[in-house]
Amino acid sequence: MKINESESSRRYPERAVVDTNVIMDRIVHNTT
């Protein structure tokens, strides 16, 4: 799993940032 994330981050760094933003957004929605 972690290896896959590393490869996807290297191939699609922008997408990795988007995924992080989505996760943060979910956390915000969950806390509120």
PDB file of N, CA and C in Angstrom:
ATOM      1  N   MET A   1       0.849  -1.200   0.000  1.00  0.00           N
ATOM      2  CA  MET A   1       0.000   0.000   0.000  1.00  0.00           C
ATOM      3  C   MET A   1       0.887   1.254   0.000  1.00  0.00           C
ATOM      4  N   LYS A   2       1.833   1.322   0.928  1.00  0.00           N
ATOM      5  CA  LYS A   2       2.681   2.513   1.003  1.00  0.00           C
ATOM      6  C   LYS A   2       3.522   2.660  -0.259  1.00  0.00           C
ATOM      7  N   ILE A   3       3.994   1.511  -0.808  1.00  0.00           N
ATOM      8  CA  ILE A   3       4.796   1.574  -2.031  1.00  0.00           C
ATOM      9  C   ILE A   3       3.948   2.139  -3.165  1.00  0.00           C
ATOM     10  N   ASN A   4       2.685   1.703  -3.232  1.00  0.00           N
ATOM     11  CA  ASN A   4       1.799   2.218  -4.268  1.00  0.00           C
ATOM     12  C   ASN A   4       1.623   3.717  -4.123  1.00  0.00           C
ATOM     13  N   GLU A   5       1.450   4.192  -2.892  1.00  0.00           N
ATOM     14  CA  GLU A   5       1.271   5.622  -2.659  1.00  0.00           C
ATOM     15  C   GLU A   5       2.513   6.381  -3.100  1.00  0.00           C
ATOM     16  N   SER A   6       3.696   5.824  -2.814  1.00  0.00           N
ATOM     17  CA  SER A   6       4.930   6.501  -3.195  1.00  0.00           C
ATOM     18  C   SER A   6       5.028   6.610  -4.708  1.00  0.00           C
ATOM     19  N   GLU A   7       4.706   5.516  -5.408  1.00  0.00           N
ATOM     20  CA  GLU A   7       4.791   5.544  -6.867  1.00  0.00           C
ATOM     21  C   GLU A   7       3.780   6.521  -7.443  1.00  0.00           C
ATOM     22  N   SER A   8       2.562   6.513  -6.937  1.00  0.00           N
ATOM     23  CA  SER A   8       1.541   7.423  -7.451  1.00  0.00           C
ATOM     24  C   SER A   8       1.943   8.864  -7.151  1.00  0.00           C
ATOM     25  N   SER A   9       2.604   9.088  -6.015  1.00  0.00           N
ATOM     26  CA  SER A   9       3.028  10.444  -5.675  1.00  0.00           C
ATOM     27  C   SER A   9       4.112  10.902  -6.640  1.00  0.00           C
ATOM     28  N   ARG A  10       4.984   9.979  -7.030  1.00  0.00           N
ATOM     29  CA  ARG A  10       6.052  10.354  -7.957  1.00  0.00           C
ATOM     30  C   ARG A  10       5.490  10.598  -9.351  1.00  0.00           C
ATOM     31  N   ARG A  11       4.542   9.772  -9.763  1.00  0.00           N
ATOM     32  CA  ARG A  11       3.983   9.920 -11.109  1.00  0.00           C
ATOM     33  C   ARG A  11       2.980  11.065 -11.174  1.00  0.00           C
ATOM     34  N   TYR A  12       2.181  11.193 -10.122  1.00  0.00           N
ATOM     35  CA  TYR A  12       1.163  12.256 -10.112  1.00  0.00           C
ATOM     36  C   TYR A  12       1.267  13.063  -8.817  1.00  0.00           C
ATOM     37  N   PRO A  13       2.289  13.912  -8.703  1.00  0.00           N
ATOM     38  CA  PRO A  13       2.457  14.701  -7.467  1.00  0.00           C
ATOM     39  C   PRO A  13       1.263  15.605  -7.222  1.00  0.00           C
ATOM     40  N   GLU A  14       0.705  16.163  -8.305  1.00  0.00           N
ATOM     41  CA  GLU A  14      -0.455  17.047  -8.146  1.00  0.00           C
ATOM     42  C   GLU A  14      -1.643  16.274  -7.592  1.00  0.00           C
ATOM     43  N   ARG A  15      -1.832  15.065  -8.089  1.00  0.00           N
ATOM     44  CA  ARG A  15      -2.963  14.258  -7.618  1.00  0.00           C
ATOM     45  C   ARG A  15      -2.782  13.913  -6.143  1.00  0.00           C
ATOM     46  N   ALA A  16      -1.559  13.670  -5.732  1.00  0.00           N
ATOM     47  CA  ALA A  16      -1.299  13.353  -4.325  1.00  0.00           C
ATOM     48  C   ALA A  16      -1.723  14.524  -3.447  1.00  0.00           C
ATOM     49  N   VAL A  17      -1.443  15.749  -3.920  1.00  0.00           N
ATOM     50  CA  VAL A  17      -1.841  16.937  -3.159  1.00  0.00           C
ATOM     51  C   VAL A  17      -3.356  17.009  -3.091  1.00  0.00           C
ATOM     52  N   VAL A  18      -4.020  16.716  -4.207  1.00  0.00           N
ATOM     53  CA  VAL A  18      -5.488  16.749  -4.233  1.00  0.00           C
ATOM     54  C   VAL A  18      -6.039  15.723  -3.253  1.00  0.00           C
ATOM     55  N   ASP A  19      -5.460  14.520  -3.245  1.00  0.00           N
ATOM     56  CA  ASP A  19      -5.929  13.478  -2.323  1.00  0.00           C
ATOM     57  C   ASP A  19      -5.794  13.959  -0.879  1.00  0.00           C
ATOM     58  N   THR A  20      -4.671  14.625  -0.571  1.00  0.00           N
ATOM     59  CA  THR A  20      -4.471  15.137   0.788  1.00  0.00           C
ATOM     60  C   THR A  20      -5.535  16.160   1.121  1.00  0.00           C
ATOM     61  N   ASN A  21      -5.838  17.040   0.164  1.00  0.00           N
ATOM     62  CA  ASN A  21      -6.869  18.051   0.397  1.00  0.00           C
ATOM     63  C   ASN A  21      -8.213  17.394   0.645  1.00  0.00           C
ATOM     64  N   VAL A  22      -8.513  16.347  -0.102  1.00  0.00           N
ATOM     65  CA  VAL A  22      -9.790  15.643   0.079  1.00  0.00           C
ATOM     66  C   VAL A  22      -9.853  15.032   1.475  1.00  0.00           C
ATOM     67  N   ILE A  23      -8.758  14.410   1.900  1.00  0.00           N
ATOM     68  CA  ILE A  23      -8.727  13.798   3.232  1.00  0.00           C
ATOM     69  C   ILE A  23      -8.926  14.868   4.301  1.00  0.00           C
ATOM     70  N   MET A  24      -8.228  15.995   4.163  1.00  0.00           N
ATOM     71  CA  MET A  24      -8.376  17.085   5.123  1.00  0.00           C
ATOM     72  C   MET A  24      -9.811  17.576   5.131  1.00  0.00           C
ATOM     73  N   ASP A  25     -10.406  17.685   3.952  1.00  0.00           N
ATOM     74  CA  ASP A  25     -11.794  18.143   3.846  1.00  0.00           C
ATOM     75  C   ASP A  25     -12.720  17.183   4.585  1.00  0.00           C
ATOM     76  N   ARG A  26     -12.469  15.899   4.442  1.00  0.00           N
ATOM     77  CA  ARG A  26     -13.315  14.913   5.124  1.00  0.00           C
ATOM     78  C   ARG A  26     -13.178  15.055   6.630  1.00  0.00           C
ATOM     79  N   ILE A  27     -11.939  15.257   7.089  1.00  0.00           N
ATOM     80  CA  ILE A  27     -11.709  15.411   8.529  1.00  0.00           C
ATOM     81  C   ILE A  27     -12.479  16.621   9.044  1.00  0.00           C
ATOM     82  N   VAL A  28     -12.428  17.718   8.299  1.00  0.00           N
ATOM     83  CA  VAL A  28     -13.129  18.937   8.717  1.00  0.00           C
ATOM     84  C   VAL A  28     -14.627  18.670   8.789  1.00  0.00           C
ATOM     85  N   HIS A  29     -15.163  17.996   7.783  1.00  0.00           N
ATOM     86  CA  HIS A  29     -16.602  17.716   7.773  1.00  0.00           C
ATOM     87  C   HIS A  29     -16.972  16.767   8.909  1.00  0.00           C
ATOM     88  N   ASN A  30     -16.083  15.827   9.207  1.00  0.00           N
ATOM     89  CA  ASN A  30     -16.380  14.862  10.268  1.00  0.00           C
ATOM     90  C   ASN A  30     -16.366  15.544  11.638  1.00  0.00           C
ATOM     91  N   THR A  31     -15.426  16.458  11.845  1.00  0.00           N
ATOM     92  CA  THR A  31     -15.327  17.123  13.145  1.00  0.00           C
ATOM     93  C   THR A  31     -16.502  18.063  13.339  1.00  0.00           C
ATOM     94  N   THR A  32     -16.965  18.676  12.278  1.00  0.00           N
ATOM     95  CA  THR A  32     -18.144  19.553  12.379  1.00  0.00           C
ATOM     96  C   THR A  32     -19.326  18.701  12.094  1.00  0.00           C
TER      97      THR A  32
END
